[in-house]
Amino acid sequence: MAVLHGVNQPECLLCSSNGPDVRERGRIIPLSADLCDRCWNKVANELAVCEGATAAPDPEFDPDDVEWVEPRICRQCHAPVRCYPTNYDRWVELATFELPAKKVPPGHRWRLMHPKAPNTPITVATVAIRIGAIDPTPGEPVIPAHEFVCLKREA
């Protein structure tokens, strides 16, 4: 009698494989798609390039280390930037200030979400979400991608 392996395991939406690496993806907003690691990395990398979320993550620091850590700065204009993870596990550099939505092109508008741990009021992370589906009102504050406000950006 044959044993069916993976009957209870989800199937990758793109390549139809099933295994322990196939799961629903997304940091705070599940993407409602079960993907394997290979397909997830391909989709997330393509999305990161489209949205400009190509920054390197901040290094992990030892929690017992009490040494001063310099804030991150832009390599081109030397302005301070904030680096946040996106919902698809890539990182984006954002400006340190907000602007009204009417002054920021749609592709550079971001918001910060503060998801809470399940069944608790405790915030567990800060995640950057690019505003795309619903346009904000013209006066609504958004955080511009640093690439838009960079003083040395190419015209």
C-alpha atoms as a PDB file:
ATOM      1  CA  MET A   1       0.000   0.000   0.000  1.00  0.00           C
ATOM      2  CA  ALA A   2       1.424   3.403  -0.996  1.00  0.00           C
ATOM      3  CA  VAL A   3       1.818   6.151   1.562  1.00  0.00           C
ATOM      4  CA  LEU A   4       0.764   9.600   0.424  1.00  0.00           C
ATOM      5  CA  HIS A   5       3.285  12.155   1.562  1.00  0.00           C
ATOM      6  CA  GLY A   6       2.308  15.780   1.961  1.00  0.00           C
ATOM      7  CA  VAL A   7      -1.455  15.241   1.931  1.00  0.00           C
ATOM      8  CA  ASN A   8      -1.902  17.632   4.851  1.00  0.00           C
ATOM      9  CA  GLN A   9       0.797  20.047   3.693  1.00  0.00           C
ATOM     10  CA  PRO A  10      -0.052  23.180   1.723  1.00  0.00           C
ATOM     11  CA  GLU A  11       0.919  23.414  -1.931  1.00  0.00           C
ATOM     12  CA  CYS A  12       2.968  26.273  -3.389  1.00  0.00           C
ATOM     13  CA  LEU A  13       0.730  28.485  -5.491  1.00  0.00           C
ATOM     14  CA  LEU A  14       3.395  29.013  -8.159  1.00  0.00           C
ATOM     15  CA  CYS A  15       5.371  25.778  -8.519  1.00  0.00           C
ATOM     16  CA  SER A  16       2.891  23.301  -6.943  1.00  0.00           C
ATOM     17  CA  SER A  17       5.536  21.811  -4.652  1.00  0.00           C
ATOM     18  CA  ASN A  18       4.627  20.875  -1.116  1.00  0.00           C
ATOM     19  CA  GLY A  19       6.869  20.480   1.859  1.00  0.00           C
ATOM     20  CA  PRO A  20       7.900  22.045   5.138  1.00  0.00           C
ATOM     21  CA  ASP A  21       8.994  25.310   3.471  1.00  0.00           C
ATOM     22  CA  VAL A  22       5.545  26.019   1.968  1.00  0.00           C
ATOM     23  CA  ARG A  23       3.565  28.430   4.139  1.00  0.00           C
ATOM     24  CA  GLU A  24       1.514  31.620   4.074  1.00  0.00           C
ATOM     25  CA  ARG A  25       3.806  34.629   3.742  1.00  0.00           C
ATOM     26  CA  GLY A  26       3.876  38.229   4.984  1.00  0.00           C
ATOM     27  CA  ARG A  27       4.948  39.926   8.224  1.00  0.00           C
ATOM     28  CA  ILE A  28       1.662  41.455   9.314  1.00  0.00           C
ATOM     29  CA  ILE A  29      -0.740  41.114   6.440  1.00  0.00           C
ATOM     30  CA  PRO A  30      -0.714  37.558   5.155  1.00  0.00           C
ATOM     31  CA  LEU A  31      -0.561  37.583   1.391  1.00  0.00           C
ATOM     32  CA  SER A  32      -3.157  34.777   1.281  1.00  0.00           C
ATOM     33  CA  ALA A  33      -0.835  32.700  -0.859  1.00  0.00           C
ATOM     34  CA  ASP A  34       1.060  29.632   0.219  1.00  0.00           C
ATOM     35  CA  LEU A  35       4.530  29.819  -1.309  1.00  0.00           C
ATOM     36  CA  CYS A  36       7.725  27.786  -0.978  1.00  0.00           C
ATOM     37  CA  ASP A  37      10.960  29.538  -0.027  1.00  0.00           C
ATOM     38  CA  ARG A  38      12.241  29.676  -3.622  1.00  0.00           C
ATOM     39  CA  CYS A  39       9.043  31.176  -5.048  1.00  0.00           C
ATOM     40  CA  TRP A  40       8.645  33.532  -2.063  1.00  0.00           C
ATOM     41  CA  ASN A  41      12.157  34.929  -2.554  1.00  0.00           C
ATOM     42  CA  LYS A  42      11.520  35.460  -6.261  1.00  0.00           C
ATOM     43  CA  VAL A  43       8.196  37.259  -5.670  1.00  0.00           C
ATOM     44  CA  ALA A  44       9.529  39.318  -2.744  1.00  0.00           C
ATOM     45  CA  ASN A  45      12.650  40.382  -4.662  1.00  0.00           C
ATOM     46  CA  GLU A  46      10.586  41.483  -7.672  1.00  0.00           C
ATOM     47  CA  LEU A  47       8.214  43.426  -5.436  1.00  0.00           C
ATOM     48  CA  ALA A  48      11.145  45.036  -3.607  1.00  0.00           C
ATOM     49  CA  VAL A  49      12.658  46.272  -6.871  1.00  0.00           C
ATOM     50  CA  CYS A  50       9.279  47.696  -7.980  1.00  0.00           C
ATOM     51  CA  GLU A  51       8.718  49.489  -4.665  1.00  0.00           C
ATOM     52  CA  GLY A  52      12.311  50.580  -4.050  1.00  0.00           C
ATOM     53  CA  ALA A  53      12.739  48.424  -0.942  1.00  0.00           C
ATOM     54  CA  THR A  54      16.306  47.388  -1.700  1.00  0.00           C
ATOM     55  CA  ALA A  55      18.097  48.570   1.447  1.00  0.00           C
ATOM     56  CA  ALA A  56      20.229  46.274   3.542  1.00  0.00           C
ATOM     57  CA  PRO A  57      18.758  45.479   6.965  1.00  0.00           C
ATOM     58  CA  ASP A  58      20.230  47.050  10.061  1.00  0.00           C
ATOM     59  CA  PRO A  59      22.799  44.830  11.753  1.00  0.00           C
ATOM     60  CA  GLU A  60      21.610  42.932  14.783  1.00  0.00           C
ATOM     61  CA  PHE A  61      23.111  44.283  17.968  1.00  0.00           C
ATOM     62  CA  ASP A  62      23.890  42.494  21.180  1.00  0.00           C
ATOM     63  CA  PRO A  63      21.220  43.561  23.709  1.00  0.00           C
ATOM     64  CA  ASP A  64      23.879  43.571  26.442  1.00  0.00           C
ATOM     65  CA  ASP A  65      26.102  45.983  24.513  1.00  0.00           C
ATOM     66  CA  VAL A  66      25.729  49.522  25.863  1.00  0.00           C
ATOM     67  CA  GLU A  67      27.979  51.220  23.302  1.00  0.00           C
ATOM     68  CA  TRP A  68      26.570  54.104  21.267  1.00  0.00           C
ATOM     69  CA  VAL A  69      25.263  53.147  17.819  1.00  0.00           C
ATOM     70  CA  GLU A  70      25.388  55.838  15.177  1.00  0.00           C
ATOM     71  CA  PRO A  71      22.115  56.430  13.342  1.00  0.00           C
ATOM     72  CA  ARG A  72      21.984  55.279   9.740  1.00  0.00           C
ATOM     73  CA  ILE A  73      22.835  57.910   7.146  1.00  0.00           C
ATOM     74  CA  CYS A  74      22.458  58.032   3.374  1.00  0.00           C
ATOM     75  CA  ARG A  75      25.692  57.194   1.566  1.00  0.00           C
ATOM     76  CA  GLN A  76      25.001  59.837  -1.089  1.00  0.00           C
ATOM     77  CA  CYS A  77      23.679  62.892   0.765  1.00  0.00           C
ATOM     78  CA  HIS A  78      24.680  61.992   4.354  1.00  0.00           C
ATOM     79  CA  ALA A  79      21.182  62.770   5.683  1.00  0.00           C
ATOM     80  CA  PRO A  80      19.769  60.560   8.442  1.00  0.00           C
ATOM     81  CA  VAL A  81      17.424  57.816   7.253  1.00  0.00           C
ATOM     82  CA  ARG A  82      15.218  55.257   8.970  1.00  0.00           C
ATOM     83  CA  CYS A  83      15.317  51.691   7.755  1.00  0.00           C
ATOM     84  CA  TYR A  84      12.261  49.467   8.242  1.00  0.00           C
ATOM     85  CA  PRO A  85      11.250  45.983   7.164  1.00  0.00           C
ATOM     86  CA  THR A  86       8.395  45.656   4.690  1.00  0.00           C
ATOM     87  CA  ASN A  87       5.521  43.194   4.828  1.00  0.00           C
ATOM     88  CA  TYR A  88       7.426  40.972   2.383  1.00  0.00           C
ATOM     89  CA  ASP A  89      10.659  40.757   4.426  1.00  0.00           C
ATOM     90  CA  ARG A  90      12.707  43.311   2.491  1.00  0.00           C
ATOM     91  CA  TRP A  91      13.981  46.634   3.855  1.00  0.00           C
ATOM     92  CA  VAL A  92      13.325  50.229   2.790  1.00  0.00           C
ATOM     93  CA  GLU A  93      15.031  53.489   3.736  1.00  0.00           C
ATOM     94  CA  LEU A  94      12.535  56.194   4.633  1.00  0.00           C
ATOM     95  CA  ALA A  95      12.887  59.887   5.359  1.00  0.00           C
ATOM     96  CA  THR A  96      12.869  60.946   9.004  1.00  0.00           C
ATOM     97  CA  PHE A  97       9.886  63.275   8.487  1.00  0.00           C
ATOM     98  CA  GLU A  98       6.371  63.267   7.063  1.00  0.00           C
ATOM     99  CA  LEU A  99       5.040  65.300   4.154  1.00  0.00           C
ATOM    100  CA  PRO A 100       1.498  65.902   2.884  1.00  0.00           C
ATOM    101  CA  ALA A 101       0.559  63.259   0.325  1.00  0.00           C
ATOM    102  CA  LYS A 102       0.118  65.891  -2.398  1.00  0.00           C
ATOM    103  CA  LYS A 103       3.876  66.631  -2.257  1.00  0.00           C
ATOM    104  CA  VAL A 104       4.985  62.999  -2.607  1.00  0.00           C
ATOM    105  CA  PRO A 105       4.546  60.985  -5.826  1.00  0.00           C
ATOM    106  CA  PRO A 106       2.389  57.871  -5.369  1.00  0.00           C
ATOM    107  CA  GLY A 107       5.294  55.422  -5.761  1.00  0.00           C
ATOM    108  CA  HIS A 108       7.172  56.976  -2.825  1.00  0.00           C
ATOM    109  CA  ARG A 109       4.407  57.125  -0.183  1.00  0.00           C
ATOM    110  CA  TRP A 110       4.826  54.875   2.852  1.00  0.00           C
ATOM    111  CA  ARG A 111       3.132  54.333   6.207  1.00  0.00           C
ATOM    112  CA  LEU A 112       4.365  52.606   9.319  1.00  0.00           C
ATOM    113  CA  MET A 113       2.233  49.871  10.849  1.00  0.00           C
ATOM    114  CA  HIS A 114       2.705  48.665  14.427  1.00  0.00           C
ATOM    115  CA  PRO A 115       1.342  45.116  14.610  1.00  0.00           C
ATOM    116  CA  LYS A 116       0.509  43.675  17.986  1.00  0.00           C
ATOM    117  CA  ALA A 117       1.177  40.190  19.263  1.00  0.00           C
ATOM    118  CA  PRO A 118      -1.908  37.948  19.028  1.00  0.00           C
ATOM    119  CA  ASN A 119      -4.313  38.394  21.942  1.00  0.00           C
ATOM    120  CA  THR A 120      -2.209  41.133  23.582  1.00  0.00           C
ATOM    121  CA  PRO A 121      -1.933  44.916  23.318  1.00  0.00           C
ATOM    122  CA  ILE A 122       1.864  44.667  22.999  1.00  0.00           C
ATOM    123  CA  THR A 123       3.422  46.058  19.799  1.00  0.00           C
ATOM    124  CA  VAL A 124       5.956  43.586  18.458  1.00  0.00           C
ATOM    125  CA  ALA A 125       7.417  45.402  15.457  1.00  0.00           C
ATOM    126  CA  THR A 126       7.248  48.320  13.098  1.00  0.00           C
ATOM    127  CA  VAL A 127       6.620  47.471   9.446  1.00  0.00           C
ATOM    128  CA  ALA A 128       6.692  49.810   6.436  1.00  0.00           C
ATOM    129  CA  ILE A 129       3.745  49.520   4.058  1.00  0.00           C
ATOM    130  CA  ARG A 130       3.751  51.316   0.720  1.00  0.00           C
ATOM    131  CA  ILE A 131       0.513  53.138   0.066  1.00  0.00           C
ATOM    132  CA  GLY A 132      -0.890  51.909  -3.208  1.00  0.00           C
ATOM    133  CA  ALA A 133      -4.451  50.666  -3.415  1.00  0.00           C
ATOM    134  CA  ILE A 134      -6.253  53.673  -1.945  1.00  0.00           C
ATOM    135  CA  ASP A 135      -4.819  57.142  -2.441  1.00  0.00           C
ATOM    136  CA  PRO A 136      -4.581  59.261   0.713  1.00  0.00           C
ATOM    137  CA  THR A 137      -6.233  62.665   0.829  1.00  0.00           C
ATOM    138  CA  PRO A 138      -3.929  65.457  -0.413  1.00  0.00           C
ATOM    139  CA  GLY A 139      -3.222  66.782   3.083  1.00  0.00           C
ATOM    140  CA  GLU A 140      -2.797  63.399   4.773  1.00  0.00           C
ATOM    141  CA  PRO A 141       0.734  62.897   6.116  1.00  0.00           C
ATOM    142  CA  VAL A 142       2.832  60.157   4.539  1.00  0.00           C
ATOM    143  CA  ILE A 143       6.459  59.181   4.980  1.00  0.00           C
ATOM    144  CA  PRO A 144       8.393  59.619   1.752  1.00  0.00           C
ATOM    145  CA  ALA A 145      10.965  57.085   0.636  1.00  0.00           C
ATOM    146  CA  HIS A 146      14.396  58.601   1.210  1.00  0.00           C
ATOM    147  CA  GLU A 147      15.189  58.033  -2.459  1.00  0.00           C
ATOM    148  CA  PHE A 148      12.579  60.724  -3.295  1.00  0.00           C
ATOM    149  CA  VAL A 149      13.956  63.375  -0.908  1.00  0.00           C
ATOM    150  CA  CYS A 150      17.659  62.522  -1.272  1.00  0.00           C
ATOM    151  CA  LEU A 151      19.631  65.668  -2.000  1.00  0.00           C
ATOM    152  CA  LYS A 152      22.043  63.834  -4.306  1.00  0.00           C
ATOM    153  CA  ARG A 153      19.459  61.858  -6.289  1.00  0.00           C
ATOM    154  CA  GLU A 154      19.889  61.881 -10.033  1.00  0.00           C
ATOM    155  CA  ALA A 155      17.413  64.043 -11.890  1.00  0.00           C
END
